[in-house]
Every structure is written in structure tokens, then in C-alpha cells.
Amino acid sequence: MAFDEILSLRIQKQLIAVQIVFIEKKMFGGNAFMIQDKMCIGVIKNQLMLRVMEEFYEPLLEDNHVSPMNFTGKTMKNFLFVEPEGFTTEEELSKWVKLAVDFGVRGIVKSKKKKK
């Protein structure tokens, strides 16, 4: 299944509306939005994928329609999946976009050391 292009456009419109500079990249068979060289939000199939600051991760897992991102059999730290029922309105989607933008602006990504 291809990714939900309508959802991707909804995210793009919200990022433009809050004047965030981003780059789109095809990743994980979906579409991801990079903010300050950090993957912050995207679409995989019909799910929203986002990365949040560590202090928000556990509390957000208590929300309906939210689960840890487990893409390769291993949970990815501070990444979440949100089912479509969690972002049916633009206001609901805005909540998730703001959390992802917050990570893009404030988050720190530890880069892996290259093997020699």
C-alpha cells in the first residue's frame, strides 16, 4: 500500500502555515518531513509517524490511537504512530504537527559513529 498522499498534503499545509522550513523525503515506504535535518513527522501507509521530545513520549502513549513506532521489530525511541482516528480534524492534526515541530526545533539527535 502506498502512503496516504492527502495526509501528506495536510501536514505540508500546516508546516507552511506556521512558516517552518522543511524538506520532504521518501522514507520507510512513506513520506517524511525533515526539519533542521531531523526526521520529525511523516506518513507511513495511512498512519501519522512523528518524533517528539522525550518528556512528551510516555504521556502521549496514553492517548487513544497512539502507539510506539515499531517499524523494524524494535521500538524507535521517541517515535510514535498515530492511527487515522487520532487526526480526523485539522485541529487534531495540528496538535501532532506542533509536537513534531517542537522536536525539529529543540530536539537533539545523536549521530551514530561511522564504522571504519
N, C-alpha and C. Protein backbone atom coordinates (compact mmCIF):
# COMPACT_ATOMS: atom_id res chain seq x y z
N MET A 1 0.84 -1.19 0.00
CA MET A 1 0.00 0.00 0.00
C MET A 1 0.88 1.24 0.00
N ALA A 2 0.56 2.16 -0.85
CA ALA A 2 1.28 3.43 -0.89
C ALA A 2 0.86 4.28 0.31
N PHE A 3 1.62 5.32 0.57
CA PHE A 3 1.27 6.19 1.71
C PHE A 3 0.11 7.12 1.34
N ASP A 4 -0.58 7.61 2.35
CA ASP A 4 -1.73 8.49 2.19
C ASP A 4 -1.24 9.88 1.76
N GLU A 5 -1.36 10.17 0.47
CA GLU A 5 -0.87 11.43 -0.07
C GLU A 5 -1.68 12.63 0.42
N ILE A 6 -2.96 12.42 0.69
CA ILE A 6 -3.81 13.51 1.21
C ILE A 6 -3.30 13.93 2.60
N LEU A 7 -2.99 12.95 3.44
CA LEU A 7 -2.45 13.25 4.77
C LEU A 7 -1.12 13.99 4.64
N SER A 8 -0.30 13.56 3.72
CA SER A 8 0.99 14.23 3.49
C SER A 8 0.77 15.69 3.10
N LEU A 9 -0.21 15.96 2.26
CA LEU A 9 -0.52 17.35 1.87
C LEU A 9 -1.06 18.15 3.05
N ARG A 10 -1.85 17.51 3.90
CA ARG A 10 -2.37 18.20 5.09
C ARG A 10 -1.22 18.62 6.00
N ILE A 11 -0.24 17.74 6.18
CA ILE A 11 0.92 18.07 7.01
C ILE A 11 1.70 19.22 6.37
N GLN A 12 1.93 19.10 5.07
CA GLN A 12 2.68 20.13 4.35
C GLN A 12 2.01 21.50 4.52
N LYS A 13 0.70 21.56 4.38
CA LYS A 13 -0.02 22.83 4.52
C LYS A 13 0.14 23.41 5.92
N GLN A 14 0.10 22.54 6.92
CA GLN A 14 0.25 23.04 8.29
C GLN A 14 1.66 23.55 8.54
N LEU A 15 2.66 22.87 8.02
CA LEU A 15 4.04 23.33 8.19
C LEU A 15 4.25 24.68 7.50
N ILE A 16 3.68 24.84 6.32
CA ILE A 16 3.78 26.11 5.61
C ILE A 16 3.07 27.21 6.38
N ALA A 17 1.91 26.89 6.94
CA ALA A 17 1.12 27.89 7.68
C ALA A 17 1.87 28.44 8.90
N VAL A 18 2.70 27.59 9.53
CA VAL A 18 3.46 28.07 10.70
C VAL A 18 4.88 28.49 10.30
N GLN A 19 5.11 28.60 9.00
CA GLN A 19 6.36 29.10 8.42
C GLN A 19 7.59 28.31 8.87
N ILE A 20 7.46 26.99 8.81
CA ILE A 20 8.58 26.10 9.15
C ILE A 20 9.26 25.67 7.85
N VAL A 21 10.57 25.79 7.83
CA VAL A 21 11.35 25.32 6.69
C VAL A 21 11.50 23.81 6.83
N PHE A 22 11.18 23.07 5.78
CA PHE A 22 11.25 21.62 5.83
C PHE A 22 11.69 21.06 4.48
N ILE A 23 12.11 19.82 4.52
CA ILE A 23 12.45 19.07 3.31
C ILE A 23 11.65 17.77 3.37
N GLU A 24 11.05 17.40 2.25
CA GLU A 24 10.34 16.13 2.18
C GLU A 24 11.26 15.06 1.64
N LYS A 25 11.17 13.86 2.23
CA LYS A 25 11.98 12.73 1.77
C LYS A 25 11.12 11.48 1.79
N LYS A 26 11.30 10.66 0.80
CA LYS A 26 10.64 9.35 0.79
C LYS A 26 11.45 8.45 1.72
N MET A 27 10.78 7.91 2.75
CA MET A 27 11.44 7.04 3.73
C MET A 27 10.45 6.00 4.21
N PHE A 28 10.95 4.84 4.56
CA PHE A 28 10.13 3.78 5.15
C PHE A 28 8.94 3.41 4.27
N GLY A 29 9.02 3.62 2.98
CA GLY A 29 7.89 3.36 2.10
C GLY A 29 6.82 4.43 2.21
N GLY A 30 7.15 5.53 2.85
CA GLY A 30 6.19 6.62 3.04
C GLY A 30 6.84 7.95 2.71
N ASN A 31 6.36 8.98 3.34
CA ASN A 31 6.86 10.33 3.11
C ASN A 31 7.19 10.96 4.46
N ALA A 32 8.39 11.50 4.59
CA ALA A 32 8.81 12.12 5.85
C ALA A 32 9.15 13.58 5.62
N PHE A 33 8.97 14.36 6.69
CA PHE A 33 9.30 15.78 6.66
C PHE A 33 10.46 16.01 7.62
N MET A 34 11.53 16.59 7.08
CA MET A 34 12.74 16.87 7.83
C MET A 34 12.73 18.35 8.21
N ILE A 35 12.99 18.60 9.50
CA ILE A 35 13.10 19.96 10.00
C ILE A 35 14.47 20.08 10.65
N GLN A 36 15.28 21.01 10.17
CA GLN A 36 16.65 21.18 10.64
C GLN A 36 17.41 19.85 10.59
N ASP A 37 17.29 19.15 9.48
CA ASP A 37 17.96 17.87 9.22
C ASP A 37 17.53 16.74 10.15
N LYS A 38 16.36 16.87 10.77
CA LYS A 38 15.85 15.83 11.66
C LYS A 38 14.50 15.35 11.14
N MET A 39 14.36 14.02 11.03
CA MET A 39 13.07 13.47 10.64
C MET A 39 12.11 13.69 11.81
N CYS A 40 11.04 14.44 11.57
CA CYS A 40 10.14 14.83 12.66
C CYS A 40 8.73 14.31 12.50
N ILE A 41 8.24 14.24 11.29
CA ILE A 41 6.86 13.83 11.07
C ILE A 41 6.74 13.26 9.67
N GLY A 42 5.81 12.37 9.51
CA GLY A 42 5.61 11.78 8.19
C GLY A 42 4.41 10.87 8.15
N VAL A 43 4.30 10.19 7.02
CA VAL A 43 3.17 9.31 6.76
C VAL A 43 3.71 7.96 6.32
N ILE A 44 3.25 6.91 6.98
CA ILE A 44 3.53 5.55 6.57
C ILE A 44 2.18 4.87 6.41
N LYS A 45 1.88 4.43 5.19
CA LYS A 45 0.57 3.90 4.83
C LYS A 45 -0.47 4.97 5.17
N ASN A 46 -1.36 4.70 6.13
CA ASN A 46 -2.35 5.71 6.49
C ASN A 46 -2.13 6.23 7.91
N GLN A 47 -0.96 5.93 8.46
CA GLN A 47 -0.64 6.36 9.82
C GLN A 47 0.25 7.59 9.82
N LEU A 48 0.07 8.37 10.86
CA LEU A 48 0.95 9.50 11.11
C LEU A 48 2.13 8.98 11.92
N MET A 49 3.32 9.36 11.54
CA MET A 49 4.53 8.99 12.27
C MET A 49 5.15 10.29 12.74
N LEU A 50 5.52 10.36 14.00
CA LEU A 50 6.18 11.57 14.45
C LEU A 50 7.19 11.29 15.56
N ARG A 51 8.10 12.22 15.69
CA ARG A 51 9.11 12.16 16.73
C ARG A 51 8.85 13.30 17.69
N VAL A 52 8.88 13.00 18.98
CA VAL A 52 8.56 14.00 19.99
C VAL A 52 9.69 14.09 21.01
N MET A 53 9.68 15.18 21.74
CA MET A 53 10.65 15.34 22.82
C MET A 53 10.41 14.25 23.86
N GLU A 54 11.48 13.83 24.49
CA GLU A 54 11.42 12.71 25.44
C GLU A 54 10.38 12.92 26.54
N GLU A 55 10.23 14.16 27.02
CA GLU A 55 9.30 14.41 28.13
C GLU A 55 7.83 14.22 27.73
N PHE A 56 7.53 14.22 26.44
CA PHE A 56 6.15 14.04 25.98
C PHE A 56 5.84 12.60 25.59
N TYR A 57 6.87 11.80 25.35
CA TYR A 57 6.69 10.46 24.78
C TYR A 57 5.77 9.57 25.62
N GLU A 58 6.11 9.31 26.86
CA GLU A 58 5.30 8.41 27.70
C GLU A 58 3.87 8.92 27.89
N PRO A 59 3.67 10.20 28.24
CA PRO A 59 2.29 10.68 28.39
C PRO A 59 1.46 10.53 27.11
N LEU A 60 2.07 10.73 25.95
CA LEU A 60 1.33 10.63 24.69
C LEU A 60 0.90 9.19 24.40
N LEU A 61 1.66 8.23 24.90
CA LEU A 61 1.30 6.83 24.68
C LEU A 61 -0.02 6.47 25.36
N GLU A 62 -0.45 7.30 26.31
CA GLU A 62 -1.72 7.05 26.98
C GLU A 62 -2.91 7.52 26.15
N ASP A 63 -2.66 8.34 25.12
CA ASP A 63 -3.74 8.82 24.25
C ASP A 63 -4.29 7.66 23.42
N ASN A 64 -5.59 7.75 23.12
CA ASN A 64 -6.19 6.78 22.21
C ASN A 64 -5.53 6.90 20.84
N HIS A 65 -5.41 5.81 20.15
CA HIS A 65 -4.93 5.76 18.78
C HIS A 65 -3.43 6.03 18.64
N VAL A 66 -2.68 5.99 19.74
CA VAL A 66 -1.24 6.24 19.70
C VAL A 66 -0.50 4.98 20.14
N SER A 67 0.59 4.67 19.44
CA SER A 67 1.42 3.51 19.82
C SER A 67 2.88 3.83 19.53
N PRO A 68 3.79 3.10 20.17
CA PRO A 68 5.21 3.31 19.87
C PRO A 68 5.50 2.92 18.42
N MET A 69 6.41 3.58 17.79
CA MET A 69 6.79 3.21 16.42
C MET A 69 7.68 1.98 16.49
N ASN A 70 7.18 0.92 15.94
CA ASN A 70 7.91 -0.34 15.89
C ASN A 70 7.94 -0.75 14.43
N PHE A 71 8.91 -0.24 13.72
CA PHE A 71 8.94 -0.44 12.27
C PHE A 71 9.77 -1.64 11.86
N THR A 72 10.82 -1.90 12.58
CA THR A 72 11.75 -2.97 12.20
C THR A 72 11.77 -4.11 13.22
N GLY A 73 10.77 -4.16 14.09
CA GLY A 73 10.77 -5.16 15.16
C GLY A 73 11.37 -4.60 16.43
N LYS A 74 11.86 -3.38 16.36
CA LYS A 74 12.44 -2.72 17.53
C LYS A 74 11.78 -1.36 17.68
N THR A 75 11.38 -1.03 18.91
CA THR A 75 10.75 0.26 19.16
C THR A 75 11.78 1.36 18.98
N MET A 76 11.38 2.39 18.22
CA MET A 76 12.28 3.52 17.97
C MET A 76 12.02 4.58 19.02
N LYS A 77 13.07 5.01 19.69
CA LYS A 77 12.98 5.94 20.81
C LYS A 77 12.33 7.27 20.39
N ASN A 78 11.30 7.64 21.14
CA ASN A 78 10.59 8.91 20.98
C ASN A 78 9.82 9.05 19.66
N PHE A 79 9.64 7.95 18.94
CA PHE A 79 8.83 7.95 17.73
C PHE A 79 7.48 7.32 18.03
N LEU A 80 6.43 7.89 17.46
CA LEU A 80 5.07 7.41 17.67
C LEU A 80 4.36 7.17 16.35
N PHE A 81 3.42 6.25 16.38
CA PHE A 81 2.45 6.09 15.31
C PHE A 81 1.12 6.59 15.84
N VAL A 82 0.37 7.30 15.03
CA VAL A 82 -0.98 7.74 15.38
C VAL A 82 -1.91 7.19 14.30
N GLU A 83 -2.92 6.46 14.73
CA GLU A 83 -3.92 5.90 13.82
C GLU A 83 -4.77 7.04 13.24
N PRO A 84 -5.37 6.83 12.07
CA PRO A 84 -6.16 7.88 11.43
C PRO A 84 -7.26 8.49 12.31
N GLU A 85 -7.82 7.72 13.22
CA GLU A 85 -8.85 8.24 14.11
C GLU A 85 -8.32 9.33 15.03
N GLY A 86 -7.02 9.43 15.17
CA GLY A 86 -6.41 10.42 16.04
C GLY A 86 -6.16 11.77 15.40
N PHE A 87 -6.45 11.90 14.10
CA PHE A 87 -6.22 13.19 13.41
C PHE A 87 -7.26 13.42 12.31
N THR A 88 -8.51 13.21 12.67
CA THR A 88 -9.57 13.38 11.67
C THR A 88 -9.81 14.85 11.32
N THR A 89 -9.60 15.74 12.28
CA THR A 89 -9.79 17.17 12.02
C THR A 89 -8.44 17.87 11.88
N GLU A 90 -8.46 19.05 11.30
CA GLU A 90 -7.23 19.83 11.17
C GLU A 90 -6.71 20.25 12.55
N GLU A 91 -7.61 20.48 13.48
CA GLU A 91 -7.20 20.84 14.84
C GLU A 91 -6.45 19.67 15.50
N GLU A 92 -6.96 18.45 15.32
CA GLU A 92 -6.27 17.27 15.88
C GLU A 92 -4.91 17.08 15.22
N LEU A 93 -4.85 17.22 13.90
CA LEU A 93 -3.58 17.08 13.20
C LEU A 93 -2.60 18.16 13.66
N SER A 94 -3.09 19.36 13.89
CA SER A 94 -2.25 20.47 14.33
C SER A 94 -1.53 20.14 15.64
N LYS A 95 -2.21 19.46 16.54
CA LYS A 95 -1.59 19.06 17.81
C LYS A 95 -0.34 18.22 17.54
N TRP A 96 -0.45 17.26 16.64
CA TRP A 96 0.68 16.37 16.34
C TRP A 96 1.78 17.11 15.58
N VAL A 97 1.40 17.97 14.66
CA VAL A 97 2.39 18.74 13.89
C VAL A 97 3.18 19.64 14.84
N LYS A 98 2.51 20.28 15.78
CA LYS A 98 3.20 21.15 16.74
C LYS A 98 4.21 20.37 17.58
N LEU A 99 3.84 19.17 18.00
CA LEU A 99 4.78 18.34 18.78
C LEU A 99 6.00 17.97 17.94
N ALA A 100 5.78 17.64 16.68
CA ALA A 100 6.89 17.28 15.79
C ALA A 100 7.77 18.49 15.49
N VAL A 101 7.17 19.64 15.27
CA VAL A 101 7.94 20.87 15.03
C VAL A 101 8.78 21.20 16.25
N ASP A 102 8.20 21.01 17.43
CA ASP A 102 8.94 21.25 18.67
C ASP A 102 10.20 20.39 18.71
N PHE A 103 10.07 19.12 18.31
CA PHE A 103 11.26 18.28 18.26
C PHE A 103 12.24 18.80 17.21
N GLY A 104 11.72 19.19 16.06
CA GLY A 104 12.59 19.69 14.98
C GLY A 104 13.40 20.90 15.41
N VAL A 105 12.81 21.76 16.22
CA VAL A 105 13.47 22.98 16.66
C VAL A 105 14.38 22.75 17.86
N ARG A 106 13.90 21.96 18.84
CA ARG A 106 14.65 21.80 20.10
C ARG A 106 15.38 20.47 20.25
N GLY A 107 14.94 19.47 19.52
CA GLY A 107 15.48 18.12 19.72
C GLY A 107 16.93 17.97 19.29
N ILE A 108 17.58 17.05 19.95
CA ILE A 108 18.97 16.75 19.62
C ILE A 108 19.04 15.29 19.17
N VAL A 109 19.67 15.07 18.04
CA VAL A 109 19.83 13.72 17.51
C VAL A 109 21.28 13.33 17.65
N LYS A 110 21.51 12.26 18.35
CA LYS A 110 22.87 11.76 18.49
C LYS A 110 23.18 10.95 17.24
N SER A 111 24.19 11.38 16.51
CA SER A 111 24.55 10.66 15.28
C SER A 111 25.40 9.46 15.64
N LYS A 112 25.19 8.41 14.89
CA LYS A 112 25.99 7.19 15.10
C LYS A 112 27.36 7.40 14.50
N LYS A 113 28.36 6.85 15.16
CA LYS A 113 29.72 6.95 14.65
C LYS A 113 29.86 6.01 13.46
N LYS A 114 30.54 6.50 12.43
CA LYS A 114 30.76 5.69 11.25
C LYS A 114 31.79 4.61 11.55
N LYS A 115 31.51 3.41 11.02
CA LYS A 115 32.46 2.30 11.20
C LYS A 115 33.62 2.49 10.22
N LYS A 116 34.80 2.17 10.70
CA LYS A 116 35.99 2.31 9.85
C LYS A 116 36.26 1.04 9.11
